Amino acid sequence: MPTRNLTEPLEIGTIVKILNSGYSRARIAEYRGPLGPRGARIYRVLVQKKPRPVYIEVREDQLEVLDNGSAQPNK
C-alpha cells in the first residue's frame, strides 16, 4: 500500500520500498520538496546496490514505508 498523504514529510533514514521497481529496500536520504506534478512530494532515496550505492528521486506515492516510520539517526 502506498504511503498515505501525511501532513509532514517522511523522516530522513526511514526504510521504504519503491513500488514497481524491483528494489526490495531503500533508505530516504533527502526530502527534495513539493517538486512533482501538482505539488507531489519528491524524495531522494539511497538503494544499496553493488558495487556502489545508487540514488533515485521518486514521488511519495511511489513509496511504501517498511518500518514503523521511525528513522534511525546516522552515527
PDB file of N, CA and C in Angstrom:
ATOM      1  N   MET A   1       0.835  -1.160   0.000  1.00  0.00           N
ATOM      2  CA  MET A   1       0.000   0.000   0.000  1.00  0.00           C
ATOM      3  C   MET A   1       0.884   1.229   0.000  1.00  0.00           C
ATOM      4  N   PRO A   2       0.628   2.196  -0.850  1.00  0.00           N
ATOM      5  CA  PRO A   2       1.445   3.407  -0.893  1.00  0.00           C
ATOM      6  C   PRO A   2       1.297   4.216   0.389  1.00  0.00           C
ATOM      7  N   THR A   3       2.251   5.077   0.609  1.00  0.00           N
ATOM      8  CA  THR A   3       2.221   5.937   1.781  1.00  0.00           C
ATOM      9  C   THR A   3       1.023   6.866   1.693  1.00  0.00           C
ATOM     10  N   ARG A   4       0.270   6.979   2.785  1.00  0.00           N
ATOM     11  CA  ARG A   4      -0.874   7.890   2.776  1.00  0.00           C
ATOM     12  C   ARG A   4      -0.380   9.325   2.824  1.00  0.00           C
ATOM     13  N   ASN A   5      -1.195  10.256   2.394  1.00  0.00           N
ATOM     14  CA  ASN A   5      -0.797  11.654   2.333  1.00  0.00           C
ATOM     15  C   ASN A   5      -0.691  12.206   3.751  1.00  0.00           C
ATOM     16  N   LEU A   6       0.507  12.349   4.249  1.00  0.00           N
ATOM     17  CA  LEU A   6       0.760  12.833   5.595  1.00  0.00           C
ATOM     18  C   LEU A   6       0.907  14.344   5.581  1.00  0.00           C
ATOM     19  N   THR A   7       0.703  14.950   6.736  1.00  0.00           N
ATOM     20  CA  THR A   7       0.892  16.391   6.818  1.00  0.00           C
ATOM     21  C   THR A   7       2.372  16.738   6.861  1.00  0.00           C
ATOM     22  N   GLU A   8       3.191  15.859   7.406  1.00  0.00           N
ATOM     23  CA  GLU A   8       4.637  16.064   7.481  1.00  0.00           C
ATOM     24  C   GLU A   8       5.337  15.108   6.522  1.00  0.00           C
ATOM     25  N   PRO A   9       6.458  15.518   5.937  1.00  0.00           N
ATOM     26  CA  PRO A   9       7.213  14.606   5.066  1.00  0.00           C
ATOM     27  C   PRO A   9       7.821  13.462   5.871  1.00  0.00           C
ATOM     28  N   LEU A  10       8.159  12.388   5.178  1.00  0.00           N
ATOM     29  CA  LEU A  10       8.820  11.257   5.827  1.00  0.00           C
ATOM     30  C   LEU A  10      10.185  11.685   6.340  1.00  0.00           C
ATOM     31  N   GLU A  11      10.630  11.062   7.419  1.00  0.00           N
ATOM     32  CA  GLU A  11      11.913  11.426   8.022  1.00  0.00           C
ATOM     33  C   GLU A  11      13.076  10.829   7.237  1.00  0.00           C
ATOM     34  N   ILE A  12      14.189  11.523   7.264  1.00  0.00           N
ATOM     35  CA  ILE A  12      15.415  11.015   6.650  1.00  0.00           C
ATOM     36  C   ILE A  12      15.846   9.776   7.424  1.00  0.00           C
ATOM     37  N   GLY A  13      16.197   8.736   6.697  1.00  0.00           N
ATOM     38  CA  GLY A  13      16.612   7.490   7.313  1.00  0.00           C
ATOM     39  C   GLY A  13      15.517   6.438   7.371  1.00  0.00           C
ATOM     40  N   THR A  14      14.291   6.794   7.021  1.00  0.00           N
ATOM     41  CA  THR A  14      13.193   5.839   7.026  1.00  0.00           C
ATOM     42  C   THR A  14      13.415   4.795   5.938  1.00  0.00           C
ATOM     43  N   ILE A  15      13.186   3.524   6.280  1.00  0.00           N
ATOM     44  CA  ILE A  15      13.338   2.433   5.327  1.00  0.00           C
ATOM     45  C   ILE A  15      12.036   2.296   4.540  1.00  0.00           C
ATOM     46  N   VAL A  16      12.153   2.301   3.216  1.00  0.00           N
ATOM     47  CA  VAL A  16      10.991   2.242   2.335  1.00  0.00           C
ATOM     48  C   VAL A  16      11.228   1.227   1.220  1.00  0.00           C
ATOM     49  N   LYS A  17      10.159   0.896   0.531  1.00  0.00           N
ATOM     50  CA  LYS A  17      10.224   0.094  -0.686  1.00  0.00           C
ATOM     51  C   LYS A  17       9.723   0.976  -1.821  1.00  0.00           C
ATOM     52  N   ILE A  18      10.415   0.938  -2.958  1.00  0.00           N
ATOM     53  CA  ILE A  18       9.978   1.679  -4.142  1.00  0.00           C
ATOM     54  C   ILE A  18       9.055   0.748  -4.926  1.00  0.00           C
ATOM     55  N   LEU A  19       7.795   1.116  -5.034  1.00  0.00           N
ATOM     56  CA  LEU A  19       6.810   0.260  -5.685  1.00  0.00           C
ATOM     57  C   LEU A  19       7.127   0.078  -7.164  1.00  0.00           C
ATOM     58  N   ASN A  20       6.894  -1.124  -7.661  1.00  0.00           N
ATOM     59  CA  ASN A  20       7.064  -1.482  -9.082  1.00  0.00           C
ATOM     60  C   ASN A  20       8.472  -1.214  -9.599  1.00  0.00           C
ATOM     61  N   SER A  21       9.492  -1.384  -8.737  1.00  0.00           N
ATOM     62  CA  SER A  21      10.852  -1.094  -9.164  1.00  0.00           C
ATOM     63  C   SER A  21      11.769  -2.315  -9.161  1.00  0.00           C
ATOM     64  N   GLY A  22      11.455  -3.325  -8.372  1.00  0.00           N
ATOM     65  CA  GLY A  22      12.344  -4.466  -8.243  1.00  0.00           C
ATOM     66  C   GLY A  22      13.327  -4.332  -7.105  1.00  0.00           C
ATOM     67  N   TYR A  23      13.444  -3.139  -6.521  1.00  0.00           N
ATOM     68  CA  TYR A  23      14.313  -2.941  -5.367  1.00  0.00           C
ATOM     69  C   TYR A  23      13.552  -3.332  -4.109  1.00  0.00           C
ATOM     70  N   SER A  24      14.185  -4.124  -3.252  1.00  0.00           N
ATOM     71  CA  SER A  24      13.484  -4.587  -2.057  1.00  0.00           C
ATOM     72  C   SER A  24      13.460  -3.536  -0.955  1.00  0.00           C
ATOM     73  N   ARG A  25      14.567  -2.815  -0.740  1.00  0.00           N
ATOM     74  CA  ARG A  25      14.637  -1.822   0.323  1.00  0.00           C
ATOM     75  C   ARG A  25      15.438  -0.622  -0.126  1.00  0.00           C
ATOM     76  N   ALA A  26      15.076   0.519   0.427  1.00  0.00           N
ATOM     77  CA  ALA A  26      15.818   1.756   0.180  1.00  0.00           C
ATOM     78  C   ALA A  26      15.685   2.620   1.422  1.00  0.00           C
ATOM     79  N   ARG A  27      16.555   3.598   1.557  1.00  0.00           N
ATOM     80  CA  ARG A  27      16.537   4.497   2.711  1.00  0.00           C
ATOM     81  C   ARG A  27      16.386   5.931   2.204  1.00  0.00           C
ATOM     82  N   ILE A  28      15.492   6.687   2.836  1.00  0.00           N
ATOM     83  CA  ILE A  28      15.299   8.081   2.442  1.00  0.00           C
ATOM     84  C   ILE A  28      16.544   8.874   2.817  1.00  0.00           C
ATOM     85  N   ALA A  29      17.141   9.523   1.822  1.00  0.00           N
ATOM     86  CA  ALA A  29      18.364  10.291   2.036  1.00  0.00           C
ATOM     87  C   ALA A  29      18.077  11.785   2.128  1.00  0.00           C
ATOM     88  N   GLU A  30      17.015  12.248   1.437  1.00  0.00           N
ATOM     89  CA  GLU A  30      16.747  13.685   1.402  1.00  0.00           C
ATOM     90  C   GLU A  30      15.303  13.923   0.991  1.00  0.00           C
ATOM     91  N   TYR A  31      14.682  14.902   1.620  1.00  0.00           N
ATOM     92  CA  TYR A  31      13.367  15.376   1.190  1.00  0.00           C
ATOM     93  C   TYR A  31      13.610  16.549   0.261  1.00  0.00           C
ATOM     94  N   ARG A  32      13.226  16.404  -1.010  1.00  0.00           N
ATOM     95  CA  ARG A  32      13.529  17.435  -2.012  1.00  0.00           C
ATOM     96  C   ARG A  32      12.475  18.528  -2.061  1.00  0.00           C
ATOM     97  N   GLY A  33      11.264  18.247  -1.598  1.00  0.00           N
ATOM     98  CA  GLY A  33      10.231  19.262  -1.579  1.00  0.00           C
ATOM     99  C   GLY A  33       9.076  18.915  -2.503  1.00  0.00           C
ATOM    100  N   PRO A  34       8.094  19.804  -2.590  1.00  0.00           N
ATOM    101  CA  PRO A  34       6.928  19.578  -3.449  1.00  0.00           C
ATOM    102  C   PRO A  34       7.226  19.943  -4.906  1.00  0.00           C
ATOM    103  N   LEU A  35       8.077  19.178  -5.534  1.00  0.00           N
ATOM    104  CA  LEU A  35       8.551  19.494  -6.890  1.00  0.00           C
ATOM    105  C   LEU A  35       7.841  18.714  -7.985  1.00  0.00           C
ATOM    106  N   GLY A  36       7.031  17.737  -7.616  1.00  0.00           N
ATOM    107  CA  GLY A  36       6.389  16.880  -8.604  1.00  0.00           C
ATOM    108  C   GLY A  36       5.124  17.491  -9.177  1.00  0.00           C
ATOM    109  N   PRO A  37       4.440  16.729 -10.029  1.00  0.00           N
ATOM    110  CA  PRO A  37       3.194  17.208 -10.613  1.00  0.00           C
ATOM    111  C   PRO A  37       2.166  17.522  -9.530  1.00  0.00           C
ATOM    112  N   ARG A  38       1.525  18.675  -9.638  1.00  0.00           N
ATOM    113  CA  ARG A  38       0.523  19.137  -8.677  1.00  0.00           C
ATOM    114  C   ARG A  38       1.076  19.186  -7.250  1.00  0.00           C
ATOM    115  N   GLY A  39       2.358  19.487  -7.119  1.00  0.00           N
ATOM    116  CA  GLY A  39       2.972  19.645  -5.806  1.00  0.00           C
ATOM    117  C   GLY A  39       3.278  18.355  -5.089  1.00  0.00           C
ATOM    118  N   ALA A  40       3.404  17.246  -5.807  1.00  0.00           N
ATOM    119  CA  ALA A  40       3.724  15.961  -5.189  1.00  0.00           C
ATOM    120  C   ALA A  40       5.103  16.041  -4.526  1.00  0.00           C
ATOM    121  N   ARG A  41       5.226  15.448  -3.350  1.00  0.00           N
ATOM    122  CA  ARG A  41       6.497  15.459  -2.622  1.00  0.00           C
ATOM    123  C   ARG A  41       7.499  14.524  -3.299  1.00  0.00           C
ATOM    124  N   ILE A  42       8.724  15.007  -3.422  1.00  0.00           N
ATOM    125  CA  ILE A  42       9.791  14.240  -4.056  1.00  0.00           C
ATOM    126  C   ILE A  42      10.844  13.912  -3.003  1.00  0.00           C
ATOM    127  N   TYR A  43      11.305  12.656  -3.016  1.00  0.00           N
ATOM    128  CA  TYR A  43      12.328  12.194  -2.087  1.00  0.00           C
ATOM    129  C   TYR A  43      13.507  11.641  -2.868  1.00  0.00           C
ATOM    130  N   ARG A  44      14.688  11.827  -2.329  1.00  0.00           N
ATOM    131  CA  ARG A  44      15.893  11.192  -2.854  1.00  0.00           C
ATOM    132  C   ARG A  44      16.150   9.986  -1.962  1.00  0.00           C
ATOM    133  N   VAL A  45      16.174   8.789  -2.543  1.00  0.00           N
ATOM    134  CA  VAL A  45      16.368   7.577  -1.762  1.00  0.00           C
ATOM    135  C   VAL A  45      17.671   6.892  -2.166  1.00  0.00           C
ATOM    136  N   LEU A  46      18.262   6.222  -1.200  1.00  0.00           N
ATOM    137  CA  LEU A  46      19.518   5.501  -1.399  1.00  0.00           C
ATOM    138  C   LEU A  46      19.219   4.015  -1.469  1.00  0.00           C
ATOM    139  N   VAL A  47      19.607   3.391  -2.585  1.00  0.00           N
ATOM    140  CA  VAL A  47      19.457   1.951  -2.765  1.00  0.00           C
ATOM    141  C   VAL A  47      20.848   1.344  -2.674  1.00  0.00           C
ATOM    142  N   GLN A  48      21.033   0.396  -1.763  1.00  0.00           N
ATOM    143  CA  GLN A  48      22.325  -0.275  -1.613  1.00  0.00           C
ATOM    144  C   GLN A  48      22.456  -1.325  -2.708  1.00  0.00           C
ATOM    145  N   LYS A  49      23.138  -0.950  -3.775  1.00  0.00           N
ATOM    146  CA  LYS A  49      23.317  -1.831  -4.921  1.00  0.00           C
ATOM    147  C   LYS A  49      24.818  -1.998  -5.158  1.00  0.00           C
ATOM    148  N   LYS A  50      25.250  -3.208  -5.416  1.00  0.00           N
ATOM    149  CA  LYS A  50      26.674  -3.451  -5.632  1.00  0.00           C
ATOM    150  C   LYS A  50      27.027  -3.113  -7.061  1.00  0.00           C
ATOM    151  N   PRO A  51      28.186  -2.608  -7.366  1.00  0.00           N
ATOM    152  CA  PRO A  51      29.325  -2.362  -6.485  1.00  0.00           C
ATOM    153  C   PRO A  51      29.251  -1.047  -5.731  1.00  0.00           C
ATOM    154  N   ARG A  52      28.333  -0.143  -6.073  1.00  0.00           N
ATOM    155  CA  ARG A  52      28.226   1.119  -5.339  1.00  0.00           C
ATOM    156  C   ARG A  52      26.761   1.490  -5.185  1.00  0.00           C
ATOM    157  N   PRO A  53      26.453   2.284  -4.175  1.00  0.00           N
ATOM    158  CA  PRO A  53      25.064   2.677  -3.941  1.00  0.00           C
ATOM    159  C   PRO A  53      24.509   3.566  -5.063  1.00  0.00           C
ATOM    160  N   VAL A  54      23.192   3.560  -5.199  1.00  0.00           N
ATOM    161  CA  VAL A  54      22.506   4.328  -6.234  1.00  0.00           C
ATOM    162  C   VAL A  54      21.495   5.246  -5.557  1.00  0.00           C
ATOM    163  N   TYR A  55      21.452   6.510  -5.987  1.00  0.00           N
ATOM    164  CA  TYR A  55      20.457   7.460  -5.510  1.00  0.00           C
ATOM    165  C   TYR A  55      19.390   7.624  -6.593  1.00  0.00           C
ATOM    166  N   ILE A  56      18.112   7.586  -6.164  1.00  0.00           N
ATOM    167  CA  ILE A  56      16.992   7.715  -7.087  1.00  0.00           C
ATOM    168  C   ILE A  56      16.022   8.729  -6.500  1.00  0.00           C
ATOM    169  N   GLU A  57      15.438   9.568  -7.348  1.00  0.00           N
ATOM    170  CA  GLU A  57      14.413  10.504  -6.896  1.00  0.00           C
ATOM    171  C   GLU A  57      13.049   9.965  -7.288  1.00  0.00           C
ATOM    172  N   VAL A  58      12.132   9.888  -6.299  1.00  0.00           N
ATOM    173  CA  VAL A  58      10.801   9.328  -6.527  1.00  0.00           C
ATOM    174  C   VAL A  58       9.747  10.180  -5.829  1.00  0.00           C
ATOM    175  N   ARG A  59       8.510  10.048  -6.290  1.00  0.00           N
ATOM    176  CA  ARG A  59       7.383  10.718  -5.639  1.00  0.00           C
ATOM    177  C   ARG A  59       6.977   9.942  -4.395  1.00  0.00           C
ATOM    178  N   GLU A  60       6.327  10.628  -3.477  1.00  0.00           N
ATOM    179  CA  GLU A  60       5.896   9.995  -2.229  1.00  0.00           C
ATOM    180  C   GLU A  60       4.906   8.860  -2.481  1.00  0.00           C
ATOM    181  N   ASP A  61       4.053   8.986  -3.495  1.00  0.00           N
ATOM    182  CA  ASP A  61       3.068   7.933  -3.749  1.00  0.00           C
ATOM    183  C   ASP A  61       3.686   6.671  -4.350  1.00  0.00           C
ATOM    184  N   GLN A  62       4.982   6.713  -4.676  1.00  0.00           N
ATOM    185  CA  GLN A  62       5.682   5.537  -5.180  1.00  0.00           C
ATOM    186  C   GLN A  62       6.430   4.811  -4.069  1.00  0.00           C
ATOM    187  N   LEU A  63       6.280   5.262  -2.824  1.00  0.00           N
ATOM    188  CA  LEU A  63       6.994   4.679  -1.702  1.00  0.00           C
ATOM    189  C   LEU A  63       6.049   3.961  -0.761  1.00  0.00           C
ATOM    190  N   GLU A  64       6.546   2.875  -0.175  1.00  0.00           N
ATOM    191  CA  GLU A  64       5.833   2.152   0.874  1.00  0.00           C
ATOM    192  C   GLU A  64       6.773   2.052   2.073  1.00  0.00           C
ATOM    193  N   VAL A  65       6.346   2.534   3.222  1.00  0.00           N
ATOM    194  CA  VAL A  65       7.180   2.508   4.423  1.00  0.00           C
ATOM    195  C   VAL A  65       7.262   1.078   4.929  1.00  0.00           C
ATOM    196  N   LEU A  66       8.488   0.580   5.176  1.00  0.00           N
ATOM    197  CA  LEU A  66       8.677  -0.790   5.630  1.00  0.00           C
ATOM    198  C   LEU A  66       8.812  -0.904   7.143  1.00  0.00           C
ATOM    199  N   ASP A  67       9.252   0.156   7.814  1.00  0.00           N
ATOM    200  CA  ASP A  67       9.342   0.097   9.274  1.00  0.00           C
ATOM    201  C   ASP A  67       8.189   0.892   9.863  1.00  0.00           C
ATOM    202  N   ASN A  68       8.227   1.139  11.148  1.00  0.00           N
ATOM    203  CA  ASN A  68       7.137   1.842  11.822  1.00  0.00           C
ATOM    204  C   ASN A  68       7.188   3.339  11.646  1.00  0.00           C
ATOM    205  N   GLY A  69       7.962   3.833  10.693  1.00  0.00           N
ATOM    206  CA  GLY A  69       8.059   5.262  10.448  1.00  0.00           C
ATOM    207  C   GLY A  69       9.113   5.936  11.279  1.00  0.00           C
ATOM    208  N   SER A  70       9.812   5.182  12.121  1.00  0.00           N
ATOM    209  CA  SER A  70      10.851   5.787  12.943  1.00  0.00           C
ATOM    210  C   SER A  70      12.180   5.713  12.215  1.00  0.00           C
ATOM    211  N   ALA A  71      12.831   6.819  12.121  1.00  0.00           N
ATOM    212  CA  ALA A  71      14.108   6.886  11.417  1.00  0.00           C
ATOM    213  C   ALA A  71      15.248   6.609  12.390  1.00  0.00           C
ATOM    214  N   GLN A  72      16.262   5.956  11.913  1.00  0.00           N
ATOM    215  CA  GLN A  72      17.464   5.706  12.694  1.00  0.00           C
ATOM    216  C   GLN A  72      18.467   6.793  12.381  1.00  0.00           C
ATOM    217  N   PRO A  73      18.909   7.549  13.377  1.00  0.00           N
ATOM    218  CA  PRO A  73      19.890   8.608  13.097  1.00  0.00           C
ATOM    219  C   PRO A  73      21.219   8.017  12.637  1.00  0.00           C
ATOM    220  N   ASN A  74      21.868   8.717  11.726  1.00  0.00           N
ATOM    221  CA  ASN A  74      23.177   8.271  11.252  1.00  0.00           C
ATOM    222  C   ASN A  74      24.205   8.467  12.355  1.00  0.00           C
ATOM    223  N   LYS A  75      25.038   7.464  12.506  1.00  0.00           N
ATOM    224  CA  LYS A  75      26.081   7.544  13.555  1.00  0.00           C
ATOM    225  C   LYS A  75      27.433   7.688  12.939  1.00  0.00           C
TER     226      LYS A  75
END
